[in-house]
PDB file of N, CA and C in Angstrom:
ATOM      1  N   MET A   1       4.705  56.386   7.869  1.00  0.00           N
ATOM      2  CA  MET A   1       5.661  55.775   6.969  1.00  0.00           C
ATOM      3  C   MET A   1       5.107  54.437   6.512  1.00  0.00           C
ATOM      4  N   LEU A   2       5.026  54.248   5.233  1.00  0.00           N
ATOM      5  CA  LEU A   2       4.571  52.997   4.632  1.00  0.00           C
ATOM      6  C   LEU A   2       5.753  52.388   3.894  1.00  0.00           C
ATOM      7  N   VAL A   3       6.095  51.146   4.223  1.00  0.00           N
ATOM      8  CA  VAL A   3       7.188  50.455   3.553  1.00  0.00           C
ATOM      9  C   VAL A   3       6.590  49.338   2.715  1.00  0.00           C
ATOM     10  N   ILE A   4       6.941  49.325   1.440  1.00  0.00           N
ATOM     11  CA  ILE A   4       6.420  48.345   0.496  1.00  0.00           C
ATOM     12  C   ILE A   4       7.590  47.542  -0.042  1.00  0.00           C
ATOM     13  N   GLU A   5       7.404  46.234  -0.139  1.00  0.00           N
ATOM     14  CA  GLU A   5       8.479  45.403  -0.675  1.00  0.00           C
ATOM     15  C   GLU A   5       8.654  45.692  -2.163  1.00  0.00           C
ATOM     16  N   THR A   6       9.881  45.879  -2.557  1.00  0.00           N
ATOM     17  CA  THR A   6      10.199  46.190  -3.948  1.00  0.00           C
ATOM     18  C   THR A   6       9.920  44.998  -4.855  1.00  0.00           C
ATOM     19  N   ASP A   7       9.140  45.254  -5.873  1.00  0.00           N
ATOM     20  CA  ASP A   7       8.914  44.293  -6.954  1.00  0.00           C
ATOM     21  C   ASP A   7       9.113  45.095  -8.230  1.00  0.00           C
ATOM     22  N   GLU A   8      10.249  44.910  -8.864  1.00  0.00           N
ATOM     23  CA  GLU A   8      10.611  45.716 -10.030  1.00  0.00           C
ATOM     24  C   GLU A   8       9.543  45.704 -11.118  1.00  0.00           C
ATOM     25  N   SER A   9       8.788  44.602 -11.240  1.00  0.00           N
ATOM     26  CA  SER A   9       7.808  44.494 -12.315  1.00  0.00           C
ATOM     27  C   SER A   9       6.612  45.428 -12.126  1.00  0.00           C
ATOM     28  N   VAL A  10       6.376  45.905 -10.897  1.00  0.00           N
ATOM     29  CA  VAL A  10       5.231  46.794 -10.648  1.00  0.00           C
ATOM     30  C   VAL A  10       5.639  48.081  -9.930  1.00  0.00           C
ATOM     31  N   LEU A  11       6.901  48.375  -9.914  1.00  0.00           N
ATOM     32  CA  LEU A  11       7.403  49.538  -9.181  1.00  0.00           C
ATOM     33  C   LEU A  11       6.780  50.847  -9.673  1.00  0.00           C
ATOM     34  N   GLU A  12       6.765  51.068 -10.965  1.00  0.00           N
ATOM     35  CA  GLU A  12       6.181  52.302 -11.502  1.00  0.00           C
ATOM     36  C   GLU A  12       4.676  52.359 -11.258  1.00  0.00           C
ATOM     37  N   LEU A  13       4.004  51.232 -11.379  1.00  0.00           N
ATOM     38  CA  LEU A  13       2.563  51.189 -11.095  1.00  0.00           C
ATOM     39  C   LEU A  13       2.306  51.533  -9.633  1.00  0.00           C
ATOM     40  N   ASP A  14       3.097  50.958  -8.716  1.00  0.00           N
ATOM     41  CA  ASP A  14       2.975  51.298  -7.294  1.00  0.00           C
ATOM     42  C   ASP A  14       3.083  52.796  -7.090  1.00  0.00           C
ATOM     43  N   ARG A  15       4.084  53.388  -7.682  1.00  0.00           N
ATOM     44  CA  ARG A  15       4.308  54.832  -7.507  1.00  0.00           C
ATOM     45  C   ARG A  15       3.143  55.659  -8.034  1.00  0.00           C
ATOM     46  N   ARG A  16       2.639  55.297  -9.203  1.00  0.00           N
ATOM     47  CA  ARG A  16       1.513  56.053  -9.772  1.00  0.00           C
ATOM     48  C   ARG A  16       0.271  55.932  -8.899  1.00  0.00           C
ATOM     49  N   ILE A  17      -0.018  54.719  -8.453  1.00  0.00           N
ATOM     50  CA  ILE A  17      -1.206  54.497  -7.617  1.00  0.00           C
ATOM     51  C   ILE A  17      -1.068  55.220  -6.282  1.00  0.00           C
ATOM     52  N   LEU A  18       0.088  55.118  -5.655  1.00  0.00           N
ATOM     53  CA  LEU A  18       0.290  55.790  -4.369  1.00  0.00           C
ATOM     54  C   LEU A  18       0.211  57.302  -4.508  1.00  0.00           C
ATOM     55  N   TYR A  19       0.806  57.840  -5.547  1.00  0.00           N
ATOM     56  CA  TYR A  19       0.759  59.287  -5.766  1.00  0.00           C
ATOM     57  C   TYR A  19      -0.688  59.751  -5.948  1.00  0.00           C
ATOM     58  N   ARG A  20      -1.407  59.064  -6.828  1.00  0.00           N
ATOM     59  CA  ARG A  20      -2.799  59.440  -7.113  1.00  0.00           C
ATOM     60  C   ARG A  20      -3.685  59.260  -5.873  1.00  0.00           C
ATOM     61  N   SER A  21      -3.537  58.140  -5.177  1.00  0.00           N
ATOM     62  CA  SER A  21      -4.392  57.858  -4.018  1.00  0.00           C
ATOM     63  C   SER A  21      -4.139  58.796  -2.845  1.00  0.00           C
ATOM     64  N   THR A  22      -2.875  59.111  -2.582  1.00  0.00           N
ATOM     65  CA  THR A  22      -2.593  60.024  -1.473  1.00  0.00           C
ATOM     66  C   THR A  22      -3.156  61.412  -1.756  1.00  0.00           C
ATOM     67  N   ARG A  23      -3.086  61.845  -2.997  1.00  0.00           N
ATOM     68  CA  ARG A  23      -3.654  63.160  -3.344  1.00  0.00           C
ATOM     69  C   ARG A  23      -5.171  63.131  -3.266  1.00  0.00           C
ATOM     70  N   LEU A  24      -5.768  62.076  -3.761  1.00  0.00           N
ATOM     71  CA  LEU A  24      -7.224  61.942  -3.771  1.00  0.00           C
ATOM     72  C   LEU A  24      -7.800  61.959  -2.353  1.00  0.00           C
ATOM     73  N   HIS A  25      -7.109  61.333  -1.413  1.00  0.00           N
ATOM     74  CA  HIS A  25      -7.605  61.214  -0.045  1.00  0.00           C
ATOM     75  C   HIS A  25      -6.989  62.232   0.906  1.00  0.00           C
ATOM     76  N   GLY A  26      -6.244  63.187   0.382  1.00  0.00           N
ATOM     77  CA  GLY A  26      -5.689  64.244   1.210  1.00  0.00           C
ATOM     78  C   GLY A  26      -4.597  63.798   2.165  1.00  0.00           C
ATOM     79  N   CYS A  27      -3.862  62.768   1.802  1.00  0.00           N
ATOM     80  CA  CYS A  27      -2.783  62.242   2.660  1.00  0.00           C
ATOM     81  C   CYS A  27      -1.433  62.725   2.151  1.00  0.00           C
ATOM     82  N   GLU A  28      -1.296  63.990   1.961  1.00  0.00           N
ATOM     83  CA  GLU A  28      -0.076  64.519   1.367  1.00  0.00           C
ATOM     84  C   GLU A  28       1.151  64.338   2.254  1.00  0.00           C
ATOM     85  N   ALA A  29       0.955  64.110   3.549  1.00  0.00           N
ATOM     86  CA  ALA A  29       2.086  63.943   4.457  1.00  0.00           C
ATOM     87  C   ALA A  29       2.552  62.487   4.533  1.00  0.00           C
ATOM     88  N   LEU A  30       1.834  61.577   3.871  1.00  0.00           N
ATOM     89  CA  LEU A  30       2.223  60.168   3.909  1.00  0.00           C
ATOM     90  C   LEU A  30       3.559  59.990   3.208  1.00  0.00           C
ATOM     91  N   GLU A  31       4.461  59.344   3.911  1.00  0.00           N
ATOM     92  CA  GLU A  31       5.754  59.021   3.324  1.00  0.00           C
ATOM     93  C   GLU A  31       5.784  57.529   3.060  1.00  0.00           C
ATOM     94  N   TYR A  32       6.202  57.153   1.870  1.00  0.00           N
ATOM     95  CA  TYR A  32       6.310  55.736   1.551  1.00  0.00           C
ATOM     96  C   TYR A  32       7.647  55.463   0.872  1.00  0.00           C
ATOM     97  N   ARG A  33       8.113  54.246   1.090  1.00  0.00           N
ATOM     98  CA  ARG A  33       9.385  53.816   0.515  1.00  0.00           C
ATOM     99  C   ARG A  33       9.274  52.377   0.054  1.00  0.00           C
ATOM    100  N   HIS A  34      10.015  52.069  -0.984  1.00  0.00           N
ATOM    101  CA  HIS A  34      10.146  50.691  -1.442  1.00  0.00           C
ATOM    102  C   HIS A  34      11.471  50.157  -0.911  1.00  0.00           C
ATOM    103  N   HIS A  35      11.419  48.977  -0.293  1.00  0.00           N
ATOM    104  CA  HIS A  35      12.631  48.332   0.218  1.00  0.00           C
ATOM    105  C   HIS A  35      12.622  46.870  -0.202  1.00  0.00           C
ATOM    106  N   ARG A  36      13.795  46.318  -0.286  1.00  0.00           N
ATOM    107  CA  ARG A  36      13.930  44.877  -0.495  1.00  0.00           C
ATOM    108  C   ARG A  36      13.750  44.194   0.869  1.00  0.00           C
ATOM    109  N   ALA A  37      13.389  42.923   0.832  1.00  0.00           N
ATOM    110  CA  ALA A  37      13.096  42.203   2.072  1.00  0.00           C
ATOM    111  C   ALA A  37      14.267  42.224   3.045  1.00  0.00           C
ATOM    112  N   HIS A  38      15.486  42.157   2.542  1.00  0.00           N
ATOM    113  CA  HIS A  38      16.636  42.150   3.458  1.00  0.00           C
ATOM    114  C   HIS A  38      16.903  43.525   4.068  1.00  0.00           C
ATOM    115  N   GLU A  39      16.295  44.564   3.502  1.00  0.00           N
ATOM    116  CA  GLU A  39      16.475  45.921   4.035  1.00  0.00           C
ATOM    117  C   GLU A  39      15.474  46.227   5.157  1.00  0.00           C
ATOM    118  N   GLU A  40      14.359  45.521   5.176  1.00  0.00           N
ATOM    119  CA  GLU A  40      13.325  45.745   6.189  1.00  0.00           C
ATOM    120  C   GLU A  40      12.803  44.387   6.660  1.00  0.00           C
ATOM    121  N   PRO A  41      13.327  43.882   7.774  1.00  0.00           N
ATOM    122  CA  PRO A  41      12.955  42.541   8.246  1.00  0.00           C
ATOM    123  C   PRO A  41      11.454  42.345   8.485  1.00  0.00           C
ATOM    124  N   LEU A  42      10.723  43.400   8.814  1.00  0.00           N
ATOM    125  CA  LEU A  42       9.286  43.247   9.067  1.00  0.00           C
ATOM    126  C   LEU A  42       8.509  42.836   7.816  1.00  0.00           C
ATOM    127  N   LEU A  43       9.108  42.998   6.631  1.00  0.00           N
ATOM    128  CA  LEU A  43       8.438  42.576   5.407  1.00  0.00           C
ATOM    129  C   LEU A  43       8.293  41.051   5.335  1.00  0.00           C
ATOM    130  N   ALA A  44       9.018  40.327   6.160  1.00  0.00           N
ATOM    131  CA  ALA A  44       8.924  38.868   6.166  1.00  0.00           C
ATOM    132  C   ALA A  44       7.661  38.366   6.870  1.00  0.00           C
ATOM    133  N   ILE A  45       7.060  39.198   7.700  1.00  0.00           N
ATOM    134  CA  ILE A  45       5.897  38.753   8.480  1.00  0.00           C
ATOM    135  C   ILE A  45       4.715  38.346   7.593  1.00  0.00           C
ATOM    136  N   PRO A  46       4.300  39.151   6.607  1.00  0.00           N
ATOM    137  CA  PRO A  46       3.180  38.710   5.766  1.00  0.00           C
ATOM    138  C   PRO A  46       3.492  37.421   5.006  1.00  0.00           C
ATOM    139  N   ASP A  47       4.740  37.260   4.575  1.00  0.00           N
ATOM    140  CA  ASP A  47       5.113  36.028   3.880  1.00  0.00           C
ATOM    141  C   ASP A  47       5.000  34.829   4.811  1.00  0.00           C
ATOM    142  N   ALA A  48       5.438  34.979   6.043  1.00  0.00           N
ATOM    143  CA  ALA A  48       5.365  33.884   7.014  1.00  0.00           C
ATOM    144  C   ALA A  48       3.914  33.518   7.313  1.00  0.00           C
ATOM    145  N   LEU A  49       3.061  34.526   7.483  1.00  0.00           N
ATOM    146  CA  LEU A  49       1.643  34.249   7.750  1.00  0.00           C
ATOM    147  C   LEU A  49       0.971  33.580   6.559  1.00  0.00           C
ATOM    148  N   ALA A  50       1.290  34.036   5.356  1.00  0.00           N
ATOM    149  CA  ALA A  50       0.714  33.423   4.152  1.00  0.00           C
ATOM    150  C   ALA A  50       1.156  31.969   4.025  1.00  0.00           C
ATOM    151  N   TRP A  51       2.423  31.704   4.354  1.00  0.00           N
ATOM    152  CA  TRP A  51       2.920  30.332   4.303  1.00  0.00           C
ATOM    153  C   TRP A  51       2.147  29.460   5.282  1.00  0.00           C
ATOM    154  N   CYS A  52       1.967  29.936   6.509  1.00  0.00           N
ATOM    155  CA  CYS A  52       1.228  29.182   7.528  1.00  0.00           C
ATOM    156  C   CYS A  52      -0.202  28.909   7.070  1.00  0.00           C
ATOM    157  N   TRP A  53      -0.837  29.928   6.520  1.00  0.00           N
ATOM    158  CA  TRP A  53      -2.226  29.797   6.091  1.00  0.00           C
ATOM    159  C   TRP A  53      -2.348  28.750   4.984  1.00  0.00           C
ATOM    160  N   GLN A  54      -1.450  28.826   4.022  1.00  0.00           N
ATOM    161  CA  GLN A  54      -1.477  27.893   2.898  1.00  0.00           C
ATOM    162  C   GLN A  54      -1.135  26.470   3.326  1.00  0.00           C
ATOM    163  N   ARG A  55      -0.261  26.333   4.285  1.00  0.00           N
ATOM    164  CA  ARG A  55       0.169  25.017   4.776  1.00  0.00           C
ATOM    165  C   ARG A  55      -0.987  24.278   5.450  1.00  0.00           C
ATOM    166  N   GLY A  56      -1.849  25.052   6.119  1.00  0.00           N
ATOM    167  CA  GLY A  56      -3.024  24.451   6.739  1.00  0.00           C
ATOM    168  C   GLY A  56      -2.739  23.776   8.065  1.00  0.00           C
ATOM    169  N   GLY A  57      -3.731  23.050   8.556  1.00  0.00           N
ATOM    170  CA  GLY A  57      -3.598  22.294   9.791  1.00  0.00           C
ATOM    171  C   GLY A  57      -3.197  23.170  10.970  1.00  0.00           C
ATOM    172  N   PRO A  58      -2.260  22.693  11.788  1.00  0.00           N
ATOM    173  CA  PRO A  58      -1.851  23.462  12.970  1.00  0.00           C
ATOM    174  C   PRO A  58      -1.175  24.783  12.610  1.00  0.00           C
ATOM    175  N   TRP A  59      -0.557  24.833  11.438  1.00  0.00           N
ATOM    176  CA  TRP A  59       0.083  26.091  11.022  1.00  0.00           C
ATOM    177  C   TRP A  59      -0.974  27.181  10.781  1.00  0.00           C
ATOM    178  N   LYS A  60      -2.052  26.800  10.117  1.00  0.00           N
ATOM    179  CA  LYS A  60      -3.129  27.766   9.853  1.00  0.00           C
ATOM    180  C   LYS A  60      -3.763  28.215  11.168  1.00  0.00           C
ATOM    181  N   ALA A  61      -3.936  27.284  12.102  1.00  0.00           N
ATOM    182  CA  ALA A  61      -4.507  27.622  13.404  1.00  0.00           C
ATOM    183  C   ALA A  61      -3.637  28.643  14.135  1.00  0.00           C
ATOM    184  N   ARG A  62      -2.331  28.517  14.010  1.00  0.00           N
ATOM    185  CA  ARG A  62      -1.417  29.468  14.661  1.00  0.00           C
ATOM    186  C   ARG A  62      -1.508  30.861  14.041  1.00  0.00           C
ATOM    187  N   ALA A  63      -1.802  30.932  12.768  1.00  0.00           N
ATOM    188  CA  ALA A  63      -1.848  32.214  12.064  1.00  0.00           C
ATOM    189  C   ALA A  63      -3.206  32.903  12.171  1.00  0.00           C
ATOM    190  N   LYS A  64      -4.253  32.177  12.535  1.00  0.00           N
ATOM    191  CA  LYS A  64      -5.625  32.701  12.515  1.00  0.00           C
ATOM    192  C   LYS A  64      -5.811  34.009  13.284  1.00  0.00           C
ATOM    193  N   ASP A  65      -5.166  34.139  14.419  1.00  0.00           N
ATOM    194  CA  ASP A  65      -5.340  35.353  15.223  1.00  0.00           C
ATOM    195  C   ASP A  65      -4.794  36.599  14.538  1.00  0.00           C
ATOM    196  N   PHE A  66      -3.973  36.424  13.524  1.00  0.00           N
ATOM    197  CA  PHE A  66      -3.369  37.557  12.824  1.00  0.00           C
ATOM    198  C   PHE A  66      -4.129  37.935  11.554  1.00  0.00           C
ATOM    199  N   VAL A  67      -5.120  37.147  11.191  1.00  0.00           N
ATOM    200  CA  VAL A  67      -5.877  37.362   9.948  1.00  0.00           C
ATOM    201  C   VAL A  67      -7.165  38.087  10.282  1.00  0.00           C
ATOM    202  N   ALA A  68      -7.326  39.290   9.740  1.00  0.00           N
ATOM    203  CA  ALA A  68      -8.524  40.085  10.013  1.00  0.00           C
ATOM    204  C   ALA A  68      -9.585  39.913   8.926  1.00  0.00           C
ATOM    205  N   ASP A  69      -9.165  39.616   7.689  1.00  0.00           N
ATOM    206  CA  ASP A  69     -10.101  39.558   6.587  1.00  0.00           C
ATOM    207  C   ASP A  69      -9.519  38.678   5.485  1.00  0.00           C
ATOM    208  N   ILE A  70     -10.369  37.988   4.788  1.00  0.00           N
ATOM    209  CA  ILE A  70      -9.943  37.146   3.666  1.00  0.00           C
ATOM    210  C   ILE A  70     -10.740  37.566   2.448  1.00  0.00           C
ATOM    211  N   LYS A  71     -10.049  37.804   1.347  1.00  0.00           N
ATOM    212  CA  LYS A  71     -10.704  38.152   0.095  1.00  0.00           C
ATOM    213  C   LYS A  71     -10.268  37.163  -0.964  1.00  0.00           C
ATOM    214  N   THR A  72     -11.236  36.515  -1.573  1.00  0.00           N
ATOM    215  CA  THR A  72     -10.939  35.574  -2.640  1.00  0.00           C
ATOM    216  C   THR A  72     -10.993  36.317  -3.968  1.00  0.00           C
ATOM    217  N   VAL A  73      -9.925  36.186  -4.747  1.00  0.00           N
ATOM    218  CA  VAL A  73      -9.883  36.860  -6.053  1.00  0.00           C
ATOM    219  C   VAL A  73      -9.735  35.859  -7.163  1.00  0.00           C
TER     220      VAL A  73
END
């Protein structure tokens, strides 16, 4: 089960990409749902980590163990 935070501006794009990617990689049993943040409390975790990272200093140090990879775009 994959839960994605709902963003109305990219909802249709999310669906198209997920549909195409799951078929391409043979993951036909993957179930995914879009939820709002208040519907799935675990969606707050990435936001909290991003806030800590951006804040820097001791906050960034606390978040470091949870960061596996950084990609600059």
